[in-house]
């Protein structure tokens, strides 16, 4: 094999279609773009997704279903096993923020049961799932919301 004899396999490279090169090519005159309209112009052939020619689009005609909580993004989740790392016997939102367990944009926190808890502590002003509450109370602590 020599470098000057290398070439791609047959059919691997197709010649590009040369439009607008005369009537005999089959793609002369309008070059396959038809007559007039936005698709015939250069740079104007895009239609945004969901556009239906001015008719009210499907995504606006259909009813919106379900509930999207506006406060969902304001609530930070704190895992139960991470509370064991804190030294305080009484844990509130300020203590979680000081320990960097909740992000700066959070307005409230919810304790979620993940892992085990070994210490006894009191949760004040925090939300907690039923499983997390049961685990805290089983360890001798309490939850006051």
C-alpha atoms as a PDB file:
ATOM      1  CA  UNK A   1       0.000   0.000   0.000  1.00  0.00           C
ATOM      2  CA  UNK A   2       1.222   3.493  -0.885  1.00  0.00           C
ATOM      3  CA  UNK A   3      -0.059   6.790   0.457  1.00  0.00           C
ATOM      4  CA  UNK A   4      -0.542   8.157  -3.049  1.00  0.00           C
ATOM      5  CA  UNK A   5      -2.882   5.279  -3.948  1.00  0.00           C
ATOM      6  CA  UNK A   6      -5.221   5.600  -0.947  1.00  0.00           C
ATOM      7  CA  UNK A   7      -8.818   6.511  -1.759  1.00  0.00           C
ATOM      8  CA  UNK A   8     -12.178   6.122   0.000  1.00  0.00           C
ATOM      9  CA  UNK A   9     -14.319   3.034  -0.622  1.00  0.00           C
ATOM     10  CA  UNK A  10     -16.807   3.123  -3.485  1.00  0.00           C
ATOM     11  CA  UNK A  11     -19.987   4.903  -2.436  1.00  0.00           C
ATOM     12  CA  UNK A  12     -18.434   6.322   0.731  1.00  0.00           C
ATOM     13  CA  UNK A  13     -18.368   9.868  -0.633  1.00  0.00           C
ATOM     14  CA  UNK A  14     -21.229  11.294  -2.669  1.00  0.00           C
ATOM     15  CA  UNK A  15     -20.847  14.359  -4.871  1.00  0.00           C
ATOM     16  CA  UNK A  16     -22.829  17.297  -3.544  1.00  0.00           C
ATOM     17  CA  UNK A  17     -25.944  18.314  -5.460  1.00  0.00           C
ATOM     18  CA  UNK A  18     -25.222  21.406  -7.586  1.00  0.00           C
ATOM     19  CA  UNK A  19     -28.488  23.320  -7.715  1.00  0.00           C
ATOM     20  CA  UNK A  20     -29.326  26.212 -10.007  1.00  0.00           C
ATOM     21  CA  UNK A  21     -27.097  25.033 -12.852  1.00  0.00           C
ATOM     22  CA  UNK A  22     -29.524  24.952 -15.771  1.00  0.00           C
ATOM     23  CA  UNK A  23     -32.715  23.241 -16.821  1.00  0.00           C
ATOM     24  CA  UNK A  24     -30.980  20.016 -17.875  1.00  0.00           C
ATOM     25  CA  UNK A  25     -29.783  19.286 -14.328  1.00  0.00           C
ATOM     26  CA  UNK A  26     -33.311  18.904 -12.984  1.00  0.00           C
ATOM     27  CA  UNK A  27     -32.597  21.475 -10.291  1.00  0.00           C
ATOM     28  CA  UNK A  28     -32.306  24.641 -12.383  1.00  0.00           C
ATOM     29  CA  UNK A  29     -34.186  27.934 -12.126  1.00  0.00           C
ATOM     30  CA  UNK A  30     -35.759  27.784  -8.650  1.00  0.00           C
ATOM     31  CA  UNK A  31     -33.219  25.168  -7.466  1.00  0.00           C
ATOM     32  CA  UNK A  32     -35.845  22.922  -5.858  1.00  0.00           C
ATOM     33  CA  UNK A  33     -37.260  25.691  -3.677  1.00  0.00           C
ATOM     34  CA  UNK A  34     -40.541  26.163  -5.506  1.00  0.00           C
ATOM     35  CA  UNK A  35     -42.009  29.609  -6.225  1.00  0.00           C
ATOM     36  CA  UNK A  36     -42.079  32.465  -3.704  1.00  0.00           C
ATOM     37  CA  UNK A  37     -42.849  32.063  -0.007  1.00  0.00           C
ATOM     38  CA  UNK A  38     -40.542  31.975   3.005  1.00  0.00           C
ATOM     39  CA  UNK A  39     -38.865  28.723   1.964  1.00  0.00           C
ATOM     40  CA  UNK A  40     -37.845  30.230  -1.382  1.00  0.00           C
ATOM     41  CA  UNK A  41     -35.959  33.081   0.288  1.00  0.00           C
ATOM     42  CA  UNK A  42     -32.452  32.811   1.663  1.00  0.00           C
ATOM     43  CA  UNK A  43     -32.191  32.666   5.426  1.00  0.00           C
ATOM     44  CA  UNK A  44     -35.963  32.761   5.969  1.00  0.00           C
ATOM     45  CA  UNK A  45     -36.820  29.048   5.866  1.00  0.00           C
ATOM     46  CA  UNK A  46     -37.122  28.510   9.618  1.00  0.00           C
ATOM     47  CA  UNK A  47     -40.426  28.101  11.409  1.00  0.00           C
ATOM     48  CA  UNK A  48     -40.410  27.824  15.166  1.00  0.00           C
ATOM     49  CA  UNK A  49     -41.424  24.509  16.677  1.00  0.00           C
ATOM     50  CA  UNK A  50     -45.170  24.279  17.183  1.00  0.00           C
ATOM     51  CA  UNK A  51     -46.044  27.038  14.686  1.00  0.00           C
ATOM     52  CA  UNK A  52     -49.168  26.142  12.708  1.00  0.00           C
ATOM     53  CA  UNK A  53     -49.417  28.961  10.189  1.00  0.00           C
ATOM     54  CA  UNK A  54     -51.084  31.405  12.558  1.00  0.00           C
ATOM     55  CA  UNK A  55     -53.685  28.909  13.788  1.00  0.00           C
ATOM     56  CA  UNK A  56     -53.727  28.540  17.570  1.00  0.00           C
ATOM     57  CA  UNK A  57     -50.988  25.951  18.189  1.00  0.00           C
ATOM     58  CA  UNK A  58     -51.677  22.575  19.754  1.00  0.00           C
ATOM     59  CA  UNK A  59     -49.745  23.317  22.945  1.00  0.00           C
ATOM     60  CA  UNK A  60     -51.993  26.321  23.576  1.00  0.00           C
ATOM     61  CA  UNK A  61     -55.241  24.564  22.596  1.00  0.00           C
ATOM     62  CA  UNK A  62     -54.825  21.625  24.962  1.00  0.00           C
ATOM     63  CA  UNK A  63     -55.681  21.984  28.655  1.00  0.00           C
ATOM     64  CA  UNK A  64     -52.824  22.214  31.072  1.00  0.00           C
ATOM     65  CA  UNK A  65     -52.851  19.289  33.489  1.00  0.00           C
ATOM     66  CA  UNK A  66     -51.381  18.840  36.928  1.00  0.00           C
ATOM     67  CA  UNK A  67     -49.954  21.077  39.576  1.00  0.00           C
ATOM     68  CA  UNK A  68     -46.563  22.756  39.573  1.00  0.00           C
ATOM     69  CA  UNK A  69     -45.595  24.017  42.980  1.00  0.00           C
ATOM     70  CA  UNK A  70     -44.124  27.502  42.993  1.00  0.00           C
ATOM     71  CA  UNK A  71     -42.420  26.920  46.350  1.00  0.00           C
ATOM     72  CA  UNK A  72     -40.786  23.652  45.311  1.00  0.00           C
ATOM     73  CA  UNK A  73     -37.527  25.403  44.414  1.00  0.00           C
ATOM     74  CA  UNK A  74     -37.525  27.333  47.694  1.00  0.00           C
ATOM     75  CA  UNK A  75     -37.459  24.160  49.805  1.00  0.00           C
ATOM     76  CA  UNK A  76     -34.127  22.403  50.341  1.00  0.00           C
ATOM     77  CA  UNK A  77     -33.938  18.709  51.198  1.00  0.00           C
ATOM     78  CA  UNK A  78     -31.664  17.663  54.041  1.00  0.00           C
ATOM     79  CA  UNK A  79     -30.813  14.000  54.527  1.00  0.00           C
ATOM     80  CA  UNK A  80     -31.315  12.586  58.008  1.00  0.00           C
ATOM     81  CA  UNK A  81     -27.809  11.149  58.293  1.00  0.00           C
ATOM     82  CA  UNK A  82     -26.304  14.610  57.671  1.00  0.00           C
ATOM     83  CA  UNK A  83     -27.969  15.927  60.838  1.00  0.00           C
ATOM     84  CA  UNK A  84     -25.711  13.578  62.834  1.00  0.00           C
ATOM     85  CA  UNK A  85     -22.740  15.725  61.776  1.00  0.00           C
ATOM     86  CA  UNK A  86     -24.134  18.768  63.609  1.00  0.00           C
ATOM     87  CA  UNK A  87     -23.054  19.392  67.198  1.00  0.00           C
ATOM     88  CA  UNK A  88     -26.146  21.358  68.276  1.00  0.00           C
ATOM     89  CA  UNK A  89     -28.839  19.621  70.294  1.00  0.00           C
ATOM     90  CA  UNK A  90     -31.433  22.006  68.871  1.00  0.00           C
ATOM     91  CA  UNK A  91     -31.461  22.297  65.076  1.00  0.00           C
ATOM     92  CA  UNK A  92     -33.243  25.067  63.204  1.00  0.00           C
ATOM     93  CA  UNK A  93     -32.949  26.615  59.735  1.00  0.00           C
ATOM     94  CA  UNK A  94     -30.171  28.995  60.794  1.00  0.00           C
ATOM     95  CA  UNK A  95     -28.086  26.073  62.099  1.00  0.00           C
ATOM     96  CA  UNK A  96     -28.499  24.207  58.796  1.00  0.00           C
ATOM     97  CA  UNK A  97     -27.479  27.287  56.834  1.00  0.00           C
ATOM     98  CA  UNK A  98     -24.433  27.833  59.065  1.00  0.00           C
ATOM     99  CA  UNK A  99     -23.399  24.201  58.478  1.00  0.00           C
ATOM    100  CA  UNK A 100     -23.875  24.742  54.705  1.00  0.00           C
ATOM    101  CA  UNK A 101     -26.422  21.917  54.464  1.00  0.00           C
ATOM    102  CA  UNK A 102     -28.911  24.144  52.617  1.00  0.00           C
ATOM    103  CA  UNK A 103     -28.173  26.441  49.630  1.00  0.00           C
ATOM    104  CA  UNK A 104     -28.305  30.222  49.941  1.00  0.00           C
ATOM    105  CA  UNK A 105     -31.483  30.583  47.845  1.00  0.00           C
ATOM    106  CA  UNK A 106     -33.513  28.177  50.043  1.00  0.00           C
ATOM    107  CA  UNK A 107     -36.287  29.677  52.148  1.00  0.00           C
ATOM    108  CA  UNK A 108     -37.155  26.527  54.102  1.00  0.00           C
ATOM    109  CA  UNK A 109     -35.818  23.029  54.611  1.00  0.00           C
ATOM    110  CA  UNK A 110     -37.326  19.567  54.801  1.00  0.00           C
ATOM    111  CA  UNK A 111     -35.662  16.631  56.532  1.00  0.00           C
ATOM    112  CA  UNK A 112     -35.875  13.439  54.479  1.00  0.00           C
ATOM    113  CA  UNK A 113     -35.316   9.946  55.867  1.00  0.00           C
ATOM    114  CA  UNK A 114     -32.121   8.686  54.316  1.00  0.00           C
ATOM    115  CA  UNK A 115     -29.695   6.874  56.534  1.00  0.00           C
ATOM    116  CA  UNK A 116     -29.845   6.405  60.287  1.00  0.00           C
ATOM    117  CA  UNK A 117     -29.663   8.867  63.161  1.00  0.00           C
ATOM    118  CA  UNK A 118     -27.636   8.127  66.291  1.00  0.00           C
ATOM    119  CA  UNK A 119     -27.948  11.353  68.285  1.00  0.00           C
ATOM    120  CA  UNK A 120     -30.869  12.835  70.138  1.00  0.00           C
ATOM    121  CA  UNK A 121     -31.835  16.303  68.919  1.00  0.00           C
ATOM    122  CA  UNK A 122     -34.784  18.686  68.597  1.00  0.00           C
ATOM    123  CA  UNK A 123     -35.892  20.003  65.182  1.00  0.00           C
ATOM    124  CA  UNK A 124     -37.453  23.465  65.378  1.00  0.00           C
ATOM    125  CA  UNK A 125     -39.209  25.233  62.506  1.00  0.00           C
ATOM    126  CA  UNK A 126     -38.268  22.598  59.939  1.00  0.00           C
ATOM    127  CA  UNK A 127     -40.425  20.349  57.816  1.00  0.00           C
ATOM    128  CA  UNK A 128     -39.895  16.600  58.081  1.00  0.00           C
ATOM    129  CA  UNK A 129     -41.271  13.557  56.321  1.00  0.00           C
ATOM    130  CA  UNK A 130     -43.216  10.970  58.311  1.00  0.00           C
ATOM    131  CA  UNK A 131     -40.312   8.501  58.147  1.00  0.00           C
ATOM    132  CA  UNK A 132     -37.805  11.122  59.299  1.00  0.00           C
ATOM    133  CA  UNK A 133     -40.059  12.134  62.197  1.00  0.00           C
ATOM    134  CA  UNK A 134     -40.392   8.519  63.309  1.00  0.00           C
ATOM    135  CA  UNK A 135     -36.612   7.980  63.151  1.00  0.00           C
ATOM    136  CA  UNK A 136     -35.883  11.135  65.165  1.00  0.00           C
ATOM    137  CA  UNK A 137     -38.457  10.259  67.808  1.00  0.00           C
ATOM    138  CA  UNK A 138     -37.127   6.693  67.984  1.00  0.00           C
ATOM    139  CA  UNK A 139     -33.684   8.135  68.796  1.00  0.00           C
ATOM    140  CA  UNK A 140     -35.230  10.150  71.647  1.00  0.00           C
ATOM    141  CA  UNK A 141     -35.519  13.503  69.851  1.00  0.00           C
ATOM    142  CA  UNK A 142     -38.553  15.572  68.901  1.00  0.00           C
ATOM    143  CA  UNK A 143     -39.889  17.614  65.961  1.00  0.00           C
ATOM    144  CA  UNK A 144     -41.742  20.918  66.340  1.00  0.00           C
ATOM    145  CA  UNK A 145     -42.772  22.622  63.115  1.00  0.00           C
END
